[in-house]
Amino acid sequence: MPDKRFLNISHYNGLRIKLVLFIAVFWTAIDLVISWLNTSGETHVHTFWYREIFIFLVSIIVGYLFVYRLKRLFEHLPLWLSFLLRSFILLALAFTIVFILQLFNGIVFDGLNFSDAVGNLKSYALYQNWLVRKIIYWLSIFFVTQLILIINEKYSPSVFVDILTGKYSKPQQERRIVMFMDLRDSTPIAEKLGHHLYFQFIRDFIYQVSKAIIECEGTIYQYVGDEVVCSWPATRRNAKKCLTTILQSRRNIHHQSEKFRRKYGVIPEFRVGIHAGEVSVGEIGIMKKDLAMSGDTMNTTARIRSACNELKHHFVVSKDFIELTHLHDYQYASLGNIDLKGKDKGIELFNLKI
């Protein structure tokens, strides 16, 4: 099935565009309500709607800064410092927007010349602690927006709405494709690089495979050392996306191979174990809540990934997963019934030839 995308926008960029639009709509809706409540009978209707259109367009620009530029610029800073710097930058931008709006209203709708409009603006800014109230107002909006973005990153975009609506406050039974992916030869690489450089190596490796998972619409469940655990609802379409994730991960690493070679002297390779079956999904924890998946499917997938070494294959999957795919016979080979650690009965495993 061909992968159809509107205007060839990748899923990863599509998610970021949705975040930008969310910020624009969220800020415009708040300003709309506040402005409506403060509107007097003498206020021009045109002034009101011109303001909201302007706010929406500028909010798109600010959303772009939030999601693209400022995130990348401050991603290596401590969270509190990044939070503070972004708030100051956006606060300055917000006041610039407000001053432009007031000047526009004064000149276009009130018929003032530029100097009189500036004079009115100065009086308006100093009137009844307006400046203090606006600072508190904008900082509150920035705080809520940044909090939403942090939670969105924490839980993965695909499950944010489910967390917000409380879907997983009680455990849910779901049939899912589960993939465990980890770094090959991690011990010798760690010994060669040392713990500090090895940590950077893992971070760069996980960044490349995570981009592939998000691009293929997978849900990243957790990171454990050099291992990434992700999943999809168990459908034939998603089985294809799971396989595409492997190919895209290799492609991402290949594109960055020179960078890995120059910085670390080694190009990462990975192992994959894939299985499909029932899992229980729900929120756990008291002081620190998290989304957990449990059940025999999770344990079996972990065992399949661990078996990659002894089976001497990089990509090993279960029969349950193979039955979901449209692979041709030459794209996989049976490894027979394999006894996995902790399992009473062996299961048939397959090597992916991709």
Protein backbone atom coordinates (compact mmCIF):
# COMPACT_ATOMS: atom_id res chain seq x y z
CA MET A 1 0.00 0.00 0.00
CA PRO A 2 1.58 3.33 -1.00
CA ASP A 3 2.23 5.85 1.74
CA LYS A 4 0.07 8.85 0.86
CA ARG A 5 0.90 12.14 2.53
CA PHE A 6 -0.66 15.53 1.96
CA LEU A 7 1.90 17.79 0.22
CA ASN A 8 4.56 15.15 1.08
CA ILE A 9 4.62 16.33 4.72
CA SER A 10 6.21 13.69 6.93
CA HIS A 11 4.32 12.40 9.96
CA TYR A 12 6.97 13.91 12.26
CA ASN A 13 6.59 17.36 10.69
CA GLY A 14 2.83 16.90 10.61
CA LEU A 15 2.82 16.49 14.39
CA ARG A 16 4.88 19.64 14.80
CA ILE A 17 2.56 21.59 12.49
CA LYS A 18 -0.41 20.42 14.57
CA LEU A 19 1.34 21.70 17.70
CA VAL A 20 1.91 25.09 16.07
CA LEU A 21 -1.77 25.29 15.07
CA PHE A 22 -2.84 24.16 18.55
CA ILE A 23 -0.84 27.00 20.12
CA ALA A 24 -2.30 29.53 17.65
CA VAL A 25 -5.90 28.39 18.25
CA PHE A 26 -5.38 28.12 22.04
CA TRP A 27 -3.95 31.63 22.36
CA THR A 28 -6.51 33.18 20.01
CA ALA A 29 -9.39 31.50 21.89
CA ILE A 30 -8.13 32.86 25.22
CA ASP A 31 -7.67 36.36 23.80
CA LEU A 32 -11.11 36.14 22.16
CA VAL A 33 -12.82 35.38 25.48
CA ILE A 34 -10.87 38.03 27.44
CA SER A 35 -11.43 40.69 24.75
CA TRP A 36 -15.13 39.85 24.50
CA LEU A 37 -15.58 40.21 28.26
CA ASN A 38 -13.76 43.56 28.22
CA THR A 39 -15.56 44.89 25.12
CA SER A 40 -17.61 48.01 25.72
CA GLY A 41 -20.53 49.17 23.61
CA GLU A 42 -18.34 51.82 21.96
CA THR A 43 -15.75 49.36 20.72
CA HIS A 44 -15.64 48.97 16.93
CA VAL A 45 -16.68 45.48 15.81
CA HIS A 46 -14.05 45.66 13.09
CA THR A 47 -11.42 46.46 15.70
CA PHE A 48 -12.37 43.34 17.62
CA TRP A 49 -12.13 40.95 14.65
CA TYR A 50 -9.03 42.57 13.17
CA ARG A 51 -7.39 42.05 16.54
CA GLU A 52 -8.26 38.34 16.65
CA ILE A 53 -7.10 37.73 13.07
CA PHE A 54 -3.84 39.51 13.88
CA ILE A 55 -3.44 37.55 17.13
CA PHE A 56 -4.00 34.26 15.27
CA LEU A 57 -1.43 35.03 12.57
CA VAL A 58 1.18 36.20 15.07
CA SER A 59 0.43 33.18 17.30
CA ILE A 60 1.34 30.91 14.38
CA ILE A 61 4.73 32.66 14.21
CA VAL A 62 5.17 32.37 17.98
CA GLY A 63 4.07 28.71 17.84
CA TYR A 64 6.70 28.11 15.20
CA LEU A 65 9.31 29.62 17.52
CA PHE A 66 8.06 27.45 20.40
CA VAL A 67 8.05 24.14 18.50
CA TYR A 68 10.96 24.60 16.09
CA ARG A 69 13.51 27.29 16.89
CA LEU A 70 13.47 27.85 20.67
CA LYS A 71 13.18 24.14 21.43
CA ARG A 72 16.28 23.38 19.37
CA LEU A 73 18.15 26.45 20.66
CA PHE A 74 17.64 25.65 24.35
CA GLU A 75 17.36 21.83 24.31
CA HIS A 76 20.70 21.32 26.10
CA LEU A 77 19.98 23.85 28.87
CA PRO A 78 18.46 22.91 32.26
CA LEU A 79 14.66 22.85 32.11
CA TRP A 80 14.20 25.82 34.47
CA LEU A 81 16.64 28.00 32.50
CA SER A 82 15.14 27.02 29.15
CA PHE A 83 11.67 27.74 30.56
CA LEU A 84 12.78 31.16 31.86
CA LEU A 85 14.58 32.24 28.68
CA ARG A 86 11.71 31.20 26.42
CA SER A 87 9.24 33.05 28.66
CA PHE A 88 11.28 36.28 28.53
CA ILE A 89 11.66 36.10 24.74
CA LEU A 90 7.98 35.40 24.21
CA LEU A 91 6.97 38.05 26.75
CA ALA A 92 8.93 40.68 24.81
CA LEU A 93 7.25 39.46 21.63
CA ALA A 94 3.80 39.58 23.26
CA PHE A 95 4.23 43.21 24.33
CA THR A 96 5.43 44.14 20.87
CA ILE A 97 2.21 42.62 19.49
CA VAL A 98 0.06 44.53 22.01
CA PHE A 99 1.75 47.87 21.23
CA ILE A 100 1.34 47.32 17.47
CA LEU A 101 -2.35 46.55 17.98
CA GLN A 102 -2.91 49.67 20.07
CA LEU A 103 -1.10 51.85 17.53
CA PHE A 104 -3.14 50.29 14.72
CA ASN A 105 -6.42 50.94 16.54
CA GLY A 106 -5.46 54.52 17.33
CA ILE A 107 -4.40 55.41 13.79
CA VAL A 108 -6.92 53.39 11.70
CA PHE A 109 -10.09 53.41 13.81
CA ASP A 110 -9.70 56.46 16.07
CA GLY A 111 -8.22 58.68 13.34
CA LEU A 112 -5.20 59.83 15.40
CA ASN A 113 -1.88 60.83 13.93
CA PHE A 114 1.21 58.79 14.82
CA SER A 115 2.47 61.05 17.67
CA ASP A 116 -0.99 61.23 19.31
CA ALA A 117 -1.37 57.45 18.99
CA VAL A 118 2.01 56.97 20.70
CA GLY A 119 0.97 59.40 23.45
CA ASN A 120 -2.27 57.49 24.01
CA LEU A 121 -0.28 54.27 24.08
CA LYS A 122 1.97 55.59 26.86
CA SER A 123 -1.04 56.63 28.90
CA TYR A 124 -2.71 53.26 28.26
CA ALA A 125 0.37 51.33 29.33
CA LEU A 126 0.58 53.15 32.66
CA TYR A 127 -3.16 53.07 33.37
CA GLN A 128 -4.24 51.09 36.48
CA ASN A 129 -1.22 48.77 36.62
CA TRP A 130 -1.91 47.61 33.04
CA LEU A 131 1.71 46.56 32.54
CA VAL A 132 1.76 44.33 35.64
CA ARG A 133 -1.56 42.74 34.74
CA LYS A 134 -0.41 42.01 31.19
CA ILE A 135 2.84 40.44 32.42
CA ILE A 136 0.90 38.09 34.71
CA TYR A 137 -1.60 37.34 31.91
CA TRP A 138 1.03 36.44 29.29
CA LEU A 139 3.27 34.53 31.70
CA SER A 140 0.26 32.41 32.72
CA ILE A 141 -0.47 31.59 29.06
CA PHE A 142 3.20 30.78 28.39
CA PHE A 143 3.36 28.58 31.47
CA VAL A 144 0.30 26.54 30.48
CA THR A 145 1.50 26.24 26.87
CA GLN A 146 4.98 25.05 27.83
CA LEU A 147 3.49 22.64 30.36
CA ILE A 148 1.27 21.11 27.66
CA LEU A 149 4.27 20.74 25.33
CA ILE A 150 6.35 19.07 28.07
CA ILE A 151 3.55 16.60 28.89
CA ASN A 152 3.07 15.95 25.16
CA GLU A 153 6.77 15.03 24.83
CA LYS A 154 6.72 12.98 28.02
CA TYR A 155 3.86 10.69 27.00
CA SER A 156 4.42 10.71 23.20
CA PRO A 157 2.07 12.67 20.90
CA SER A 158 -0.11 9.70 20.02
CA VAL A 159 -1.23 9.09 23.63
CA PHE A 160 -1.38 12.68 24.96
CA VAL A 161 -5.14 13.03 24.35
CA ASP A 162 -5.77 9.60 25.90
CA ILE A 163 -3.88 10.65 29.04
CA LEU A 164 -5.73 13.99 29.14
CA THR A 165 -9.15 12.32 28.90
CA GLY A 166 -8.26 9.68 31.50
CA LYS A 167 -8.55 6.71 29.13
CA TYR A 168 -5.79 4.82 30.94
CA SER A 169 -6.75 5.72 34.52
CA LYS A 170 -8.16 2.18 34.52
CA PRO A 171 -6.14 -0.57 32.77
CA GLN A 172 -7.20 -1.26 29.18
CA GLN A 173 -6.77 -4.54 27.29
CA GLU A 174 -5.37 -3.91 23.81
CA ARG A 175 -3.94 -6.05 21.06
CA ARG A 176 -0.66 -4.44 20.02
CA ILE A 177 2.48 -4.98 17.99
CA VAL A 178 5.44 -4.55 20.33
CA MET A 179 9.01 -3.91 19.22
CA PHE A 180 12.13 -4.00 21.39
CA MET A 181 15.13 -2.38 19.71
CA ASP A 182 18.61 -2.08 21.21
CA LEU A 183 22.22 -1.38 20.30
CA ARG A 184 24.43 -4.23 19.08
CA ASP A 185 27.82 -4.79 20.75
CA SER A 186 27.07 -2.17 23.40
CA THR A 187 29.64 -3.49 25.92
CA PRO A 188 32.74 -3.25 23.69
CA ILE A 189 31.57 0.14 22.40
CA ALA A 190 31.15 1.42 25.97
CA GLU A 191 34.65 0.16 26.89
CA LYS A 192 36.13 1.87 23.84
CA LEU A 193 34.39 5.24 24.28
CA GLY A 194 34.24 5.63 28.06
CA HIS A 195 31.05 6.42 29.95
CA HIS A 196 30.74 10.13 29.03
CA LEU A 197 31.24 9.74 25.27
CA TYR A 198 29.24 6.51 25.29
CA PHE A 199 26.27 8.38 26.77
CA GLN A 200 26.42 10.90 23.90
CA PHE A 201 26.68 7.99 21.45
CA ILE A 202 23.53 6.37 22.89
CA ARG A 203 21.69 9.69 22.82
CA ASP A 204 22.53 10.22 19.14
CA PHE A 205 21.61 6.62 18.30
CA ILE A 206 18.27 6.82 20.13
CA TYR A 207 17.51 10.16 18.48
CA GLN A 208 17.83 8.61 15.01
CA VAL A 209 15.70 5.53 15.74
CA SER A 210 13.11 7.60 17.66
CA LYS A 211 12.67 9.85 14.62
CA ALA A 212 11.93 6.73 12.58
CA ILE A 213 9.41 5.43 15.13
CA ILE A 214 7.56 8.76 15.25
CA GLU A 215 7.68 9.04 11.46
CA CYS A 216 6.01 5.61 11.23
CA GLU A 217 3.36 6.61 13.79
CA GLY A 218 4.61 4.31 16.55
CA THR A 219 4.12 5.00 20.25
CA ILE A 220 7.39 5.16 22.16
CA TYR A 221 6.73 3.33 25.41
CA GLN A 222 10.07 3.74 27.18
CA TYR A 223 13.83 4.08 26.94
CA VAL A 224 15.94 1.69 29.02
CA GLY A 225 19.65 2.38 28.59
CA ASP A 226 20.37 1.77 24.91
CA GLU A 227 17.01 0.07 24.36
CA VAL A 228 13.82 1.58 22.90
CA VAL A 229 10.43 -0.07 23.39
CA CYS A 230 7.61 0.98 21.08
CA SER A 231 4.24 -0.29 19.88
CA TRP A 232 1.37 0.01 17.39
CA PRO A 233 -2.24 -1.27 17.45
CA ALA A 234 -2.12 -4.76 15.91
CA THR A 235 -3.32 -4.27 12.33
CA ARG A 236 -1.85 -5.26 8.95
CA ARG A 237 -1.29 -1.59 8.10
CA ASN A 238 0.64 -1.05 11.33
CA ALA A 239 2.67 -4.23 10.77
CA LYS A 240 3.93 -2.56 7.60
CA LYS A 241 4.72 0.62 9.56
CA CYS A 242 6.65 -1.45 12.09
CA LEU A 243 8.79 -2.95 9.31
CA THR A 244 9.23 0.49 7.75
CA THR A 245 10.53 1.73 11.13
CA ILE A 246 13.44 -0.73 10.90
CA LEU A 247 14.28 0.38 7.36
CA GLN A 248 13.92 4.08 8.24
CA SER A 249 16.10 3.67 11.34
CA ARG A 250 18.87 2.15 9.21
CA ARG A 251 18.40 4.93 6.66
CA ASN A 252 18.64 7.63 9.36
CA ILE A 253 21.82 6.11 10.79
CA HIS A 254 23.31 5.73 7.30
CA HIS A 255 22.69 9.42 6.59
CA GLN A 256 24.54 10.29 9.81
CA SER A 257 27.25 7.64 9.38
CA GLU A 258 30.02 10.15 8.69
CA LYS A 259 29.12 12.11 11.80
CA PHE A 260 29.14 8.91 13.91
CA ARG A 261 32.45 7.80 12.40
CA ARG A 262 34.10 11.18 12.93
CA LYS A 263 32.82 11.71 16.49
CA TYR A 264 32.86 8.15 17.88
CA GLY A 265 34.83 6.02 15.42
CA VAL A 266 31.94 3.57 15.19
CA ILE A 267 28.58 3.41 13.36
CA PRO A 268 25.73 1.96 15.45
CA GLU A 269 23.90 -1.22 14.51
CA PHE A 270 20.85 -2.55 16.28
CA ARG A 271 18.88 -5.69 17.06
CA VAL A 272 15.11 -5.99 16.96
CA GLY A 273 12.58 -8.35 18.51
CA ILE A 274 8.91 -8.07 17.44
CA HIS A 275 5.79 -9.83 18.70
CA ALA A 276 2.03 -9.20 18.60
CA GLY A 277 -0.54 -9.98 21.28
CA GLU A 278 -2.67 -8.76 24.17
CA VAL A 279 -1.24 -6.20 26.62
CA SER A 280 -2.65 -4.32 29.61
CA VAL A 281 -2.12 -0.56 29.35
CA GLY A 282 -2.68 1.83 32.24
CA GLU A 283 -1.28 4.56 34.45
CA ILE A 284 0.86 3.53 37.43
CA GLY A 285 2.63 5.38 40.24
CA ILE A 286 1.78 7.83 43.02
CA MET A 287 4.23 10.74 43.19
CA LYS A 288 5.49 9.99 39.68
CA LYS A 289 2.87 8.67 37.29
CA ASP A 290 3.74 6.85 34.10
CA LEU A 291 2.03 4.84 31.38
CA ALA A 292 2.79 1.12 31.69
CA MET A 293 2.24 -1.85 29.39
CA SER A 294 2.38 -5.33 30.87
CA GLY A 295 1.54 -8.92 30.07
CA ASP A 296 2.98 -12.00 28.44
CA THR A 297 3.36 -10.17 25.11
CA MET A 298 5.83 -7.71 26.64
CA ASN A 299 7.86 -10.51 28.29
CA THR A 300 7.88 -12.60 25.12
CA THR A 301 9.05 -9.67 22.97
CA ALA A 302 11.89 -8.96 25.39
CA ARG A 303 12.95 -12.63 25.20
CA ILE A 304 12.81 -12.57 21.39
CA ARG A 305 15.08 -9.54 21.28
CA SER A 306 17.48 -11.22 23.75
CA ALA A 307 17.53 -14.34 21.54
CA CYS A 308 18.93 -12.35 18.59
CA ASN A 309 22.51 -12.95 19.77
CA GLU A 310 22.32 -16.71 20.19
CA LEU A 311 20.33 -17.06 16.96
CA LYS A 312 22.90 -14.82 15.19
CA HIS A 313 20.28 -12.68 13.48
CA HIS A 314 19.56 -8.95 13.75
CA PHE A 315 15.79 -8.93 13.24
CA VAL A 316 13.79 -11.75 14.85
CA VAL A 317 9.98 -11.84 14.97
CA SER A 318 7.25 -14.17 16.15
CA LYS A 319 4.75 -16.13 14.08
CA ASP A 320 1.95 -13.91 15.45
CA PHE A 321 3.64 -10.91 13.85
CA ILE A 322 4.35 -12.70 10.55
CA GLU A 323 0.63 -13.52 10.25
CA LEU A 324 -0.13 -9.79 10.31
CA THR A 325 2.21 -8.94 7.45
CA HIS A 326 2.09 -9.20 3.67
CA LEU A 327 5.69 -10.35 3.38
CA HIS A 328 6.75 -12.71 0.60
CA ASP A 329 8.38 -16.02 1.48
CA TYR A 330 11.82 -14.78 0.45
CA GLN A 331 11.59 -11.85 2.90
CA TYR A 332 11.64 -14.05 6.00
CA ALA A 333 12.83 -17.51 7.06
CA SER A 334 11.63 -19.77 9.84
CA LEU A 335 14.11 -20.42 12.65
CA GLY A 336 11.97 -23.25 14.00
CA ASN A 337 10.41 -23.67 17.42
CA ILE A 338 12.65 -21.84 19.88
CA ASP A 339 12.63 -22.26 23.66
CA LEU A 340 12.75 -18.80 25.21
CA LYS A 341 13.94 -18.18 28.75
CA GLY A 342 11.04 -18.19 31.21
CA LYS A 343 8.57 -19.70 28.71
CA ASP A 344 7.08 -23.16 29.25
CA LYS A 345 6.61 -23.81 25.55
CA GLY A 346 8.74 -22.90 22.57
CA ILE A 347 7.37 -20.54 19.91
CA GLU A 348 8.14 -20.37 16.21
CA LEU A 349 10.44 -17.47 15.36
CA PHE A 350 11.42 -15.99 12.03
CA ASN A 351 14.38 -14.04 10.71
CA LEU A 352 13.49 -10.95 8.69
CA LYS A 353 15.54 -10.59 5.50
CA ILE A 354 15.26 -6.84 5.10
